Amino acid sequence: MANGILDRGSRGLHVPRPLKVVSGGWFEPQGGIYSFEDFIADHLAEDSTVTLNQSGTPITAGAINAAAGAPTAGHGGWIAGATDDVDAEIDELALGAKPWLVPEAVGDGMIVAEIGFVIPTALTARQYGFYLTDDETEGTATNGSLNIQTGTTVVDVATDAAGFIFSSLATDADGWYTANTKNGTQAVGTSVLTGVVDDYTKLRIEIDASGNAAFFGIVSGAGGREVAVSFLEGKAAAVTASVALVPLFIAAPTTTTSVEWEVDYIFGGASA
């Protein structure tokens, strides 16, 4: 808690009940499940809860960085890196080794993904994205699961995904758009937030058992992770409810200029 504002990292999640031992000697999870990576321990190459993919030859390899972040550098642990200086090469940071959150499995609950980060250096010649998506890596020469190459037209690499797009090629070149694709049919929402260099940005996606999505976020220079997100808009039938999804953050250049990124934390979970 800071200044009377609770962090919303676990908003919407039930406290998991203890694991129940059943016949056969295996454990049956009861209630919710969640994962939170705060990048305090430097264990990326050993036993990390995240998957980092940097296609091409990155200018800066992703690593724990005590100097990253704003307004307080290194607060709570940060990971930072920079993409290759080749158009459309991509850096991808996924919470999990494979998709692990299934909307239809949560009953009257929801699946959730949230991230805290900053856009360092500049807003031009780049794309960023944060989604719940069906693949932990999209690979070389893409701009992420969902991206905008011109105007407000969404290009979907994923078959199912819902989340946020920042694209210098979009009509609003410094805006965060909501977007989704369901079984390969894409749609874009409105420009809901304005990106600001080194302002703390928090984005959150919630998806219910029917695949309906709600988008929350804030861009704030006033504080870090303690700032509360606001509801931005919703999208009915945003994804296929039976498809497993994973929280994924991406950065990619739109020209031959490396794109820097700095991430404070990633959270994902499901209530039941």
Protein backbone atom coordinates (compact mmCIF):
# COMPACT_ATOMS: atom_id res chain seq x y z
CA MET A 1 0.00 0.00 0.00
CA ALA A 2 1.26 3.48 -0.84
CA ASN A 3 -0.61 6.71 -0.06
CA GLY A 4 -3.71 4.68 0.67
CA ILE A 5 -3.76 2.96 -2.75
CA LEU A 6 -3.56 -0.80 -2.89
CA ASP A 7 -1.56 -2.48 -5.61
CA ARG A 8 -4.02 -4.28 -7.91
CA GLY A 9 -1.61 -7.03 -8.93
CA SER A 10 -3.88 -9.74 -7.56
CA ARG A 11 -7.20 -8.04 -8.25
CA GLY A 12 -9.96 -10.45 -9.16
CA LEU A 13 -8.21 -13.55 -7.87
CA HIS A 14 -9.43 -15.77 -5.08
CA VAL A 15 -6.87 -16.84 -2.50
CA PRO A 16 -5.98 -20.39 -3.54
CA ARG A 17 -7.21 -23.12 -1.21
CA PRO A 18 -4.71 -25.74 -0.01
CA LEU A 19 -3.89 -28.54 -2.42
CA LYS A 20 -5.97 -31.66 -1.84
CA VAL A 21 -4.40 -35.12 -1.82
CA VAL A 22 -6.56 -37.64 -3.68
CA SER A 23 -6.23 -41.34 -4.43
CA GLY A 24 -3.42 -42.28 -6.76
CA GLY A 25 -0.89 -40.04 -5.03
CA TRP A 26 -1.33 -36.90 -7.13
CA PHE A 27 -2.29 -33.38 -6.12
CA GLU A 28 -5.48 -31.72 -7.31
CA PRO A 29 -5.34 -27.90 -7.43
CA GLN A 30 -8.31 -26.24 -5.76
CA GLY A 31 -9.34 -22.64 -6.47
CA GLY A 32 -7.11 -20.16 -8.30
CA ILE A 33 -3.63 -20.33 -9.75
CA TYR A 34 -1.26 -17.45 -10.44
CA SER A 35 2.34 -16.50 -11.23
CA PHE A 36 4.15 -13.25 -10.42
CA GLU A 37 7.63 -12.40 -11.71
CA ASP A 38 9.21 -9.37 -10.05
CA PHE A 39 12.72 -9.74 -11.56
CA ILE A 40 14.48 -9.42 -8.22
CA ALA A 41 16.53 -12.62 -8.49
CA ASP A 42 18.84 -12.92 -11.49
CA HIS A 43 17.78 -16.43 -12.49
CA LEU A 44 16.76 -15.95 -16.12
CA ALA A 45 19.23 -18.52 -17.44
CA GLU A 46 18.49 -21.04 -14.71
CA ASP A 47 14.97 -21.48 -13.38
CA SER A 48 12.95 -18.49 -14.48
CA THR A 49 9.19 -18.30 -14.61
CA VAL A 50 9.54 -16.26 -17.81
CA THR A 51 10.56 -17.12 -21.37
CA LEU A 52 12.73 -14.50 -23.08
CA ASN A 53 13.16 -14.68 -26.85
CA GLN A 54 15.28 -12.07 -28.68
CA SER A 55 15.29 -12.75 -32.40
CA GLY A 56 18.21 -11.72 -34.52
CA THR A 57 21.22 -10.33 -32.63
CA PRO A 58 19.95 -8.05 -29.87
CA ILE A 59 21.81 -4.81 -29.27
CA THR A 60 21.36 -5.43 -25.52
CA ALA A 61 20.69 -8.90 -24.15
CA GLY A 62 17.77 -9.00 -21.75
CA ALA A 63 18.98 -9.07 -18.14
CA ILE A 64 18.26 -7.82 -14.64
CA ASN A 65 19.17 -4.14 -14.62
CA ALA A 66 19.45 -2.06 -11.44
CA ALA A 67 19.57 1.19 -13.43
CA ALA A 68 16.32 0.54 -15.35
CA GLY A 69 12.92 1.94 -14.50
CA ALA A 70 11.29 5.21 -13.60
CA PRO A 71 10.59 7.21 -11.56
CA THR A 72 12.75 5.13 -9.15
CA ALA A 73 15.44 3.10 -10.90
CA GLY A 74 15.60 -0.55 -9.89
CA HIS A 75 12.60 -0.35 -7.57
CA GLY A 76 11.37 -3.90 -7.01
CA GLY A 77 13.68 -5.33 -9.67
CA TRP A 78 13.65 -4.65 -13.42
CA ILE A 79 14.62 -6.50 -16.57
CA ALA A 80 15.80 -4.52 -19.60
CA GLY A 81 17.07 -5.12 -23.12
CA ALA A 82 17.14 -3.79 -26.68
CA THR A 83 16.16 -5.44 -29.95
CA ASP A 84 18.27 -6.00 -33.00
CA ASP A 85 18.52 -2.90 -35.22
CA VAL A 86 16.70 -4.71 -38.04
CA ASP A 87 13.15 -3.88 -39.10
CA ALA A 88 10.58 -6.21 -37.47
CA GLU A 89 13.04 -8.21 -35.35
CA ILE A 90 11.32 -8.86 -32.04
CA ASP A 91 12.01 -9.30 -28.35
CA GLU A 92 9.37 -11.34 -26.49
CA LEU A 93 8.98 -11.78 -22.74
CA ALA A 94 6.37 -14.39 -21.76
CA LEU A 95 5.17 -15.33 -18.29
CA GLY A 96 5.46 -19.10 -18.59
CA ALA A 97 7.10 -21.62 -20.89
CA LYS A 98 3.83 -22.40 -22.70
CA PRO A 99 0.24 -21.08 -22.71
CA TRP A 100 -1.34 -22.06 -19.38
CA LEU A 101 -4.48 -19.95 -18.82
CA VAL A 102 -7.73 -21.32 -20.30
CA PRO A 103 -10.77 -18.98 -20.12
CA GLU A 104 -13.49 -21.66 -20.17
CA ALA A 105 -11.88 -23.43 -17.20
CA VAL A 106 -12.58 -20.62 -14.73
CA GLY A 107 -16.36 -20.98 -14.36
CA ASP A 108 -17.63 -17.71 -12.88
CA GLY A 109 -14.07 -16.42 -12.47
CA MET A 110 -11.60 -14.96 -14.97
CA ILE A 111 -8.05 -15.12 -16.28
CA VAL A 112 -5.85 -12.08 -15.77
CA ALA A 113 -2.59 -10.65 -17.09
CA GLU A 114 -0.91 -7.47 -15.87
CA ILE A 115 2.41 -5.73 -16.47
CA GLY A 116 4.30 -2.72 -15.13
CA PHE A 117 6.98 -1.14 -17.37
CA VAL A 118 8.26 2.02 -19.02
CA ILE A 119 8.92 3.03 -22.62
CA PRO A 120 12.52 4.32 -22.46
CA THR A 121 14.32 6.67 -24.86
CA ALA A 122 11.66 7.47 -27.51
CA LEU A 123 8.16 6.79 -28.87
CA THR A 124 9.12 6.70 -32.56
CA ALA A 125 9.98 3.84 -34.95
CA ARG A 126 8.74 1.09 -32.65
CA GLN A 127 6.00 -1.26 -31.61
CA TYR A 128 5.22 -2.59 -28.16
CA GLY A 129 2.51 -5.03 -27.19
CA PHE A 130 1.10 -6.77 -24.14
CA TYR A 131 -1.46 -9.53 -24.56
CA LEU A 132 -2.97 -12.76 -23.44
CA THR A 133 -2.04 -14.79 -26.51
CA ASP A 134 -1.86 -18.38 -27.77
CA ASP A 135 1.93 -18.63 -28.28
CA GLU A 136 4.86 -17.70 -26.04
CA THR A 137 6.99 -16.82 -29.11
CA GLU A 138 6.03 -15.49 -32.53
CA GLY A 139 9.58 -15.56 -33.89
CA THR A 140 11.64 -13.57 -36.33
CA ALA A 141 10.26 -10.87 -38.63
CA THR A 142 6.96 -10.20 -36.89
CA ASN A 143 5.72 -7.33 -34.77
CA GLY A 144 3.94 -9.45 -32.19
CA SER A 145 0.77 -11.46 -31.77
CA LEU A 146 -1.26 -8.37 -32.64
CA ASN A 147 0.25 -5.38 -34.41
CA ILE A 148 -0.61 -2.33 -36.52
CA GLN A 149 1.34 -1.65 -39.71
CA THR A 150 -0.80 1.24 -40.94
CA GLY A 151 -3.79 3.26 -39.78
CA THR A 152 -5.92 1.23 -37.40
CA THR A 153 -5.74 -2.12 -39.19
CA VAL A 154 -4.76 -4.99 -36.92
CA VAL A 155 -2.43 -7.69 -38.25
CA ASP A 156 -2.79 -10.93 -36.29
CA VAL A 157 0.05 -13.43 -36.04
CA ALA A 158 -1.76 -15.24 -33.24
CA THR A 159 -5.01 -17.09 -33.91
CA ASP A 160 -6.40 -16.05 -30.53
CA ALA A 161 -5.20 -13.06 -28.51
CA ALA A 162 -6.47 -9.97 -26.69
CA GLY A 163 -4.42 -7.05 -25.45
CA PHE A 164 -2.73 -3.74 -26.15
CA ILE A 165 -0.75 -2.39 -29.14
CA PHE A 166 1.55 0.64 -29.30
CA SER A 167 2.67 1.31 -32.88
CA SER A 168 4.49 4.22 -34.47
CA LEU A 169 2.77 3.19 -37.72
CA ALA A 170 -0.75 3.64 -36.31
CA THR A 171 -3.04 6.59 -36.88
CA ASP A 172 -2.40 7.63 -33.28
CA ALA A 173 1.37 7.14 -33.34
CA ASP A 174 1.85 7.58 -29.59
CA GLY A 175 -1.33 5.84 -28.46
CA TRP A 176 -2.06 2.47 -26.88
CA TYR A 177 -4.82 0.61 -28.77
CA THR A 178 -6.86 -2.32 -27.53
CA ALA A 179 -7.20 -5.21 -29.97
CA ASN A 180 -8.11 -8.86 -30.26
CA THR A 181 -8.30 -11.78 -32.64
CA LYS A 182 -10.72 -14.68 -32.28
CA ASN A 183 -10.01 -17.74 -34.39
CA GLY A 184 -8.09 -15.51 -36.82
CA THR A 185 -10.72 -12.74 -37.06
CA GLN A 186 -9.15 -9.53 -35.84
CA ALA A 187 -10.61 -6.32 -34.44
CA VAL A 188 -9.17 -3.10 -33.04
CA GLY A 189 -10.63 -0.93 -30.30
CA THR A 190 -9.89 2.72 -29.68
CA SER A 191 -6.70 4.49 -28.71
CA VAL A 192 -7.20 4.40 -24.94
CA LEU A 193 -3.92 5.70 -23.46
CA THR A 194 -1.12 8.02 -24.55
CA GLY A 195 2.43 6.75 -24.24
CA VAL A 196 4.99 8.96 -22.49
CA VAL A 197 8.73 8.28 -22.34
CA ASP A 198 9.77 7.02 -18.88
CA ASP A 199 6.26 7.34 -17.41
CA TYR A 200 5.29 4.24 -15.44
CA THR A 201 2.80 2.23 -17.52
CA LYS A 202 0.53 -0.47 -16.13
CA LEU A 203 -1.68 -2.56 -18.43
CA ARG A 204 -4.18 -5.26 -17.42
CA ILE A 205 -6.38 -7.70 -19.37
CA GLU A 206 -9.19 -9.77 -17.87
CA ILE A 207 -11.01 -12.51 -19.79
CA ASP A 208 -14.02 -14.43 -18.50
CA ALA A 209 -15.12 -18.02 -19.18
CA SER A 210 -16.97 -16.98 -22.35
CA GLY A 211 -13.96 -15.23 -23.87
CA ASN A 212 -15.17 -11.69 -23.17
CA ALA A 213 -12.29 -9.29 -22.45
CA ALA A 214 -11.95 -6.16 -20.32
CA PHE A 215 -9.01 -3.77 -20.67
CA PHE A 216 -7.54 -1.65 -17.86
CA GLY A 217 -4.53 0.64 -17.72
CA ILE A 218 -2.75 3.82 -16.67
CA VAL A 219 0.24 5.87 -17.82
CA SER A 220 1.48 7.88 -14.84
CA GLY A 221 4.56 9.91 -14.11
CA ALA A 222 3.47 10.30 -10.50
CA GLY A 223 4.45 6.90 -9.16
CA GLY A 224 5.36 3.32 -9.81
CA ARG A 225 3.53 0.07 -9.31
CA GLU A 226 1.27 1.46 -6.58
CA VAL A 227 -0.83 3.42 -9.09
CA ALA A 228 -4.26 1.89 -9.74
CA VAL A 229 -5.42 1.01 -13.25
CA SER A 230 -8.72 2.31 -14.63
CA PHE A 231 -11.24 0.48 -16.80
CA LEU A 232 -10.77 1.51 -20.44
CA GLU A 233 -13.16 -0.61 -22.52
CA GLY A 234 -14.52 -4.09 -23.06
CA LYS A 235 -14.83 -6.50 -25.97
CA ALA A 236 -17.43 -9.28 -26.19
CA ALA A 237 -16.30 -12.67 -27.55
CA ALA A 238 -12.72 -11.46 -27.86
CA VAL A 239 -11.05 -14.90 -27.92
CA THR A 240 -11.95 -18.57 -28.27
CA ALA A 241 -12.72 -19.65 -24.71
CA SER A 242 -11.19 -23.11 -25.07
CA VAL A 243 -7.75 -21.89 -26.22
CA ALA A 244 -4.90 -21.74 -23.67
CA LEU A 245 -3.27 -18.30 -23.40
CA VAL A 246 -0.07 -16.84 -21.96
CA PRO A 247 0.83 -13.27 -20.86
CA LEU A 248 3.31 -11.85 -23.40
CA PHE A 249 5.15 -8.51 -23.72
CA ILE A 250 6.89 -7.59 -26.99
CA ALA A 251 9.10 -4.86 -28.42
CA ALA A 252 9.97 -4.51 -32.11
CA PRO A 253 11.44 -1.85 -34.42
CA THR A 254 9.57 -0.51 -37.44
CA THR A 255 12.82 0.51 -39.13
CA THR A 256 16.54 -0.21 -38.74
CA THR A 257 16.73 1.26 -35.24
CA SER A 258 17.04 -0.81 -32.07
CA VAL A 259 14.12 -0.58 -29.63
CA GLU A 260 14.77 -0.48 -25.89
CA TRP A 261 12.44 -1.94 -23.26
CA GLU A 262 12.32 -2.01 -19.45
CA VAL A 263 9.89 -4.20 -17.48
CA ASP A 264 9.19 -4.05 -13.74
CA TYR A 265 6.91 -7.06 -13.29
CA ILE A 266 4.52 -9.44 -15.04
CA PHE A 267 1.54 -11.08 -13.34
CA GLY A 268 -0.83 -13.74 -14.60
CA GLY A 269 -3.48 -15.86 -12.97
CA ALA A 270 -6.89 -17.50 -12.97
CA SER A 271 -9.69 -17.57 -10.43
CA ALA A 272 -12.30 -20.29 -10.34
